[in-house]
Protein backbone atom coordinates (compact mmCIF):
# COMPACT_ATOMS: atom_id res chain seq x y z
CA UNK A 1 0.00 0.00 0.00
CA UNK A 2 2.86 2.42 0.72
CA UNK A 3 3.97 2.03 -2.91
CA UNK A 4 0.46 3.00 -4.10
CA UNK A 5 0.49 6.11 -1.93
CA UNK A 6 3.92 7.04 -3.23
CA UNK A 7 2.81 6.62 -6.86
CA UNK A 8 -0.32 8.71 -6.31
CA UNK A 9 1.75 11.47 -4.73
CA UNK A 10 4.19 11.46 -7.66
CA UNK A 11 1.32 11.70 -10.15
CA UNK A 12 -0.36 14.52 -8.25
CA UNK A 13 2.91 16.43 -7.97
CA UNK A 14 3.42 16.25 -11.73
CA UNK A 15 -0.06 17.00 -13.11
CA UNK A 16 -1.86 18.84 -10.35
CA UNK A 17 -0.22 22.21 -10.15
CA UNK A 18 -2.95 24.84 -10.08
CA UNK A 19 -3.18 25.00 -13.90
CA UNK A 20 -1.09 22.06 -15.15
CA UNK A 21 -3.99 19.75 -15.99
CA UNK A 22 -5.77 22.56 -17.86
CA UNK A 23 -2.61 23.39 -19.83
CA UNK A 24 -2.15 19.72 -20.74
CA UNK A 25 -5.77 19.44 -21.90
CA UNK A 26 -5.31 22.52 -24.11
CA UNK A 27 -2.20 20.98 -25.67
CA UNK A 28 -4.12 17.79 -26.54
CA UNK A 29 -5.91 19.98 -29.08
CA UNK A 30 -2.55 20.65 -30.80
CA UNK A 31 0.62 22.67 -30.52
CA UNK A 32 0.11 26.15 -29.12
CA UNK A 33 2.09 29.33 -28.76
CA UNK A 34 2.41 31.01 -25.36
CA UNK A 35 -0.14 33.70 -26.23
CA UNK A 36 -2.64 31.13 -27.47
CA UNK A 37 -2.38 29.21 -24.19
CA UNK A 38 -2.76 32.45 -22.22
CA UNK A 39 -5.86 33.49 -24.21
CA UNK A 40 -7.44 30.05 -23.80
CA UNK A 41 -6.99 30.22 -20.00
CA UNK A 42 -7.88 33.85 -19.23
CA UNK A 43 -7.75 33.48 -15.42
CA UNK A 44 -4.12 32.34 -15.33
CA UNK A 45 -1.52 34.94 -14.43
CA UNK A 46 1.38 35.49 -16.83
CA UNK A 47 4.07 34.46 -14.32
CA UNK A 48 2.07 31.42 -13.22
CA UNK A 49 1.77 30.23 -16.81
CA UNK A 50 5.52 30.63 -17.31
CA UNK A 51 6.22 28.64 -14.12
CA UNK A 52 3.76 25.85 -14.92
CA UNK A 53 5.07 25.50 -18.49
CA UNK A 54 8.66 25.26 -17.20
CA UNK A 55 7.68 22.58 -14.70
CA UNK A 56 5.76 20.57 -17.30
CA UNK A 57 8.76 20.81 -19.62
CA UNK A 58 11.19 19.76 -16.86
CA UNK A 59 8.98 16.75 -16.11
CA UNK A 60 9.08 15.78 -19.80
CA UNK A 61 5.34 16.14 -20.42
CA UNK A 62 5.63 18.99 -22.91
CA UNK A 63 8.29 20.26 -25.27
CA UNK A 64 9.18 23.84 -26.12
CA UNK A 65 10.39 24.78 -29.59
CA UNK A 66 11.82 28.22 -30.27
CA UNK A 67 11.91 29.33 -33.89
CA UNK A 68 14.56 31.85 -35.00
CA UNK A 69 12.18 34.61 -36.05
CA UNK A 70 11.68 38.23 -35.09
CA UNK A 71 9.79 38.39 -32.84
CA UNK A 72 10.75 34.92 -31.56
CA UNK A 73 8.11 32.26 -32.03
CA UNK A 74 7.82 29.75 -29.18
CA UNK A 75 5.54 26.74 -29.48
CA UNK A 76 4.57 24.16 -26.87
CA UNK A 77 3.55 20.58 -27.62
CA UNK A 78 2.80 17.41 -25.74
CA UNK A 79 5.53 14.81 -25.72
CA UNK A 80 4.95 11.11 -26.29
CA UNK A 81 5.62 10.72 -22.56
CA UNK A 82 2.79 13.16 -21.74
CA UNK A 83 0.18 11.68 -24.10
CA UNK A 84 -0.86 8.73 -21.87
CA UNK A 85 -2.19 11.21 -19.28
CA UNK A 86 -5.18 12.07 -21.48
CA UNK A 87 -7.57 9.43 -20.04
CA UNK A 88 -6.67 10.50 -16.50
CA UNK A 89 -7.31 14.17 -17.29
CA UNK A 90 -10.59 13.37 -19.05
CA UNK A 91 -11.70 11.37 -15.99
CA UNK A 92 -10.83 14.37 -13.82
CA UNK A 93 -13.04 16.57 -16.03
CA UNK A 94 -15.92 14.08 -15.87
CA UNK A 95 -15.65 13.70 -12.10
CA UNK A 96 -15.49 17.49 -11.69
CA UNK A 97 -18.74 17.80 -13.66
CA UNK A 98 -20.36 15.10 -11.53
CA UNK A 99 -19.18 16.75 -8.33
CA UNK A 100 -20.45 20.17 -9.44
CA UNK A 101 -23.86 18.67 -10.24
CA UNK A 102 -23.90 16.86 -6.88
CA UNK A 103 -23.18 20.08 -5.03
CA UNK A 104 -25.96 22.00 -6.85
CA UNK A 105 -28.58 19.31 -6.13
CA UNK A 106 -27.71 18.93 -2.45
C-alpha atoms as a PDB file:
ATOM      1  CA  UNK A   1       0.000   0.000   0.000  1.00  0.00           C
ATOM      2  CA  UNK A   2       2.859   2.419   0.722  1.00  0.00           C
ATOM      3  CA  UNK A   3       3.969   2.033  -2.906  1.00  0.00           C
ATOM      4  CA  UNK A   4       0.460   2.996  -4.095  1.00  0.00           C
ATOM      5  CA  UNK A   5       0.495   6.112  -1.931  1.00  0.00           C
ATOM      6  CA  UNK A   6       3.924   7.035  -3.233  1.00  0.00           C
ATOM      7  CA  UNK A   7       2.810   6.619  -6.860  1.00  0.00           C
ATOM      8  CA  UNK A   8      -0.320   8.706  -6.306  1.00  0.00           C
ATOM      9  CA  UNK A   9       1.749  11.469  -4.730  1.00  0.00           C
ATOM     10  CA  UNK A  10       4.190  11.461  -7.657  1.00  0.00           C
ATOM     11  CA  UNK A  11       1.325  11.697 -10.154  1.00  0.00           C
ATOM     12  CA  UNK A  12      -0.360  14.524  -8.254  1.00  0.00           C
ATOM     13  CA  UNK A  13       2.912  16.428  -7.968  1.00  0.00           C
ATOM     14  CA  UNK A  14       3.423  16.253 -11.727  1.00  0.00           C
ATOM     15  CA  UNK A  15      -0.061  16.995 -13.110  1.00  0.00           C
ATOM     16  CA  UNK A  16      -1.862  18.842 -10.349  1.00  0.00           C
ATOM     17  CA  UNK A  17      -0.218  22.214 -10.147  1.00  0.00           C
ATOM     18  CA  UNK A  18      -2.948  24.843 -10.075  1.00  0.00           C
ATOM     19  CA  UNK A  19      -3.180  24.996 -13.900  1.00  0.00           C
ATOM     20  CA  UNK A  20      -1.090  22.060 -15.150  1.00  0.00           C
ATOM     21  CA  UNK A  21      -3.986  19.750 -15.989  1.00  0.00           C
ATOM     22  CA  UNK A  22      -5.766  22.556 -17.858  1.00  0.00           C
ATOM     23  CA  UNK A  23      -2.612  23.393 -19.831  1.00  0.00           C
ATOM     24  CA  UNK A  24      -2.148  19.724 -20.736  1.00  0.00           C
ATOM     25  CA  UNK A  25      -5.771  19.439 -21.896  1.00  0.00           C
ATOM     26  CA  UNK A  26      -5.314  22.517 -24.108  1.00  0.00           C
ATOM     27  CA  UNK A  27      -2.199  20.975 -25.668  1.00  0.00           C
ATOM     28  CA  UNK A  28      -4.123  17.789 -26.539  1.00  0.00           C
ATOM     29  CA  UNK A  29      -5.905  19.983 -29.084  1.00  0.00           C
ATOM     30  CA  UNK A  30      -2.555  20.648 -30.798  1.00  0.00           C
ATOM     31  CA  UNK A  31       0.620  22.673 -30.517  1.00  0.00           C
ATOM     32  CA  UNK A  32       0.107  26.152 -29.122  1.00  0.00           C
ATOM     33  CA  UNK A  33       2.094  29.335 -28.757  1.00  0.00           C
ATOM     34  CA  UNK A  34       2.412  31.005 -25.361  1.00  0.00           C
ATOM     35  CA  UNK A  35      -0.136  33.701 -26.234  1.00  0.00           C
ATOM     36  CA  UNK A  36      -2.641  31.126 -27.466  1.00  0.00           C
ATOM     37  CA  UNK A  37      -2.379  29.215 -24.191  1.00  0.00           C
ATOM     38  CA  UNK A  38      -2.763  32.453 -22.223  1.00  0.00           C
ATOM     39  CA  UNK A  39      -5.856  33.493 -24.206  1.00  0.00           C
ATOM     40  CA  UNK A  40      -7.436  30.055 -23.803  1.00  0.00           C
ATOM     41  CA  UNK A  41      -6.993  30.218 -19.996  1.00  0.00           C
ATOM     42  CA  UNK A  42      -7.879  33.848 -19.226  1.00  0.00           C
ATOM     43  CA  UNK A  43      -7.752  33.482 -15.417  1.00  0.00           C
ATOM     44  CA  UNK A  44      -4.122  32.336 -15.329  1.00  0.00           C
ATOM     45  CA  UNK A  45      -1.518  34.943 -14.429  1.00  0.00           C
ATOM     46  CA  UNK A  46       1.382  35.485 -16.829  1.00  0.00           C
ATOM     47  CA  UNK A  47       4.072  34.459 -14.318  1.00  0.00           C
ATOM     48  CA  UNK A  48       2.075  31.420 -13.217  1.00  0.00           C
ATOM     49  CA  UNK A  49       1.774  30.230 -16.806  1.00  0.00           C
ATOM     50  CA  UNK A  50       5.519  30.629 -17.314  1.00  0.00           C
ATOM     51  CA  UNK A  51       6.220  28.640 -14.118  1.00  0.00           C
ATOM     52  CA  UNK A  52       3.755  25.851 -14.923  1.00  0.00           C
ATOM     53  CA  UNK A  53       5.072  25.496 -18.493  1.00  0.00           C
ATOM     54  CA  UNK A  54       8.662  25.258 -17.202  1.00  0.00           C
ATOM     55  CA  UNK A  55       7.678  22.580 -14.697  1.00  0.00           C
ATOM     56  CA  UNK A  56       5.763  20.568 -17.302  1.00  0.00           C
ATOM     57  CA  UNK A  57       8.761  20.810 -19.622  1.00  0.00           C
ATOM     58  CA  UNK A  58      11.186  19.759 -16.861  1.00  0.00           C
ATOM     59  CA  UNK A  59       8.980  16.745 -16.115  1.00  0.00           C
ATOM     60  CA  UNK A  60       9.082  15.785 -19.797  1.00  0.00           C
ATOM     61  CA  UNK A  61       5.338  16.141 -20.416  1.00  0.00           C
ATOM     62  CA  UNK A  62       5.633  18.990 -22.906  1.00  0.00           C
ATOM     63  CA  UNK A  63       8.288  20.257 -25.271  1.00  0.00           C
ATOM     64  CA  UNK A  64       9.176  23.842 -26.123  1.00  0.00           C
ATOM     65  CA  UNK A  65      10.388  24.781 -29.590  1.00  0.00           C
ATOM     66  CA  UNK A  66      11.816  28.224 -30.266  1.00  0.00           C
ATOM     67  CA  UNK A  67      11.907  29.329 -33.893  1.00  0.00           C
ATOM     68  CA  UNK A  68      14.563  31.845 -34.999  1.00  0.00           C
ATOM     69  CA  UNK A  69      12.181  34.610 -36.053  1.00  0.00           C
ATOM     70  CA  UNK A  70      11.680  38.234 -35.090  1.00  0.00           C
ATOM     71  CA  UNK A  71       9.787  38.387 -32.844  1.00  0.00           C
ATOM     72  CA  UNK A  72      10.754  34.921 -31.557  1.00  0.00           C
ATOM     73  CA  UNK A  73       8.111  32.257 -32.033  1.00  0.00           C
ATOM     74  CA  UNK A  74       7.820  29.753 -29.176  1.00  0.00           C
ATOM     75  CA  UNK A  75       5.542  26.744 -29.481  1.00  0.00           C
ATOM     76  CA  UNK A  76       4.566  24.163 -26.872  1.00  0.00           C
ATOM     77  CA  UNK A  77       3.549  20.582 -27.620  1.00  0.00           C
ATOM     78  CA  UNK A  78       2.802  17.408 -25.737  1.00  0.00           C
ATOM     79  CA  UNK A  79       5.532  14.806 -25.724  1.00  0.00           C
ATOM     80  CA  UNK A  80       4.950  11.111 -26.287  1.00  0.00           C
ATOM     81  CA  UNK A  81       5.620  10.721 -22.558  1.00  0.00           C
ATOM     82  CA  UNK A  82       2.790  13.157 -21.744  1.00  0.00           C
ATOM     83  CA  UNK A  83       0.178  11.685 -24.099  1.00  0.00           C
ATOM     84  CA  UNK A  84      -0.857   8.726 -21.868  1.00  0.00           C
ATOM     85  CA  UNK A  85      -2.186  11.205 -19.277  1.00  0.00           C
ATOM     86  CA  UNK A  86      -5.181  12.070 -21.484  1.00  0.00           C
ATOM     87  CA  UNK A  87      -7.570   9.427 -20.042  1.00  0.00           C
ATOM     88  CA  UNK A  88      -6.666  10.502 -16.500  1.00  0.00           C
ATOM     89  CA  UNK A  89      -7.306  14.171 -17.293  1.00  0.00           C
ATOM     90  CA  UNK A  90     -10.590  13.368 -19.050  1.00  0.00           C
ATOM     91  CA  UNK A  91     -11.697  11.366 -15.991  1.00  0.00           C
ATOM     92  CA  UNK A  92     -10.831  14.372 -13.815  1.00  0.00           C
ATOM     93  CA  UNK A  93     -13.041  16.570 -16.028  1.00  0.00           C
ATOM     94  CA  UNK A  94     -15.916  14.081 -15.867  1.00  0.00           C
ATOM     95  CA  UNK A  95     -15.645  13.704 -12.098  1.00  0.00           C
ATOM     96  CA  UNK A  96     -15.490  17.487 -11.691  1.00  0.00           C
ATOM     97  CA  UNK A  97     -18.740  17.803 -13.656  1.00  0.00           C
ATOM     98  CA  UNK A  98     -20.361  15.096 -11.535  1.00  0.00           C
ATOM     99  CA  UNK A  99     -19.177  16.748  -8.332  1.00  0.00           C
ATOM    100  CA  UNK A 100     -20.451  20.167  -9.438  1.00  0.00           C
ATOM    101  CA  UNK A 101     -23.858  18.670 -10.244  1.00  0.00           C
ATOM    102  CA  UNK A 102     -23.900  16.858  -6.881  1.00  0.00           C
ATOM    103  CA  UNK A 103     -23.185  20.080  -5.032  1.00  0.00           C
ATOM    104  CA  UNK A 104     -25.955  21.995  -6.847  1.00  0.00           C
ATOM    105  CA  UNK A 105     -28.581  19.310  -6.133  1.00  0.00           C
ATOM    106  CA  UNK A 106     -27.707  18.929  -2.446  1.00  0.00           C
END
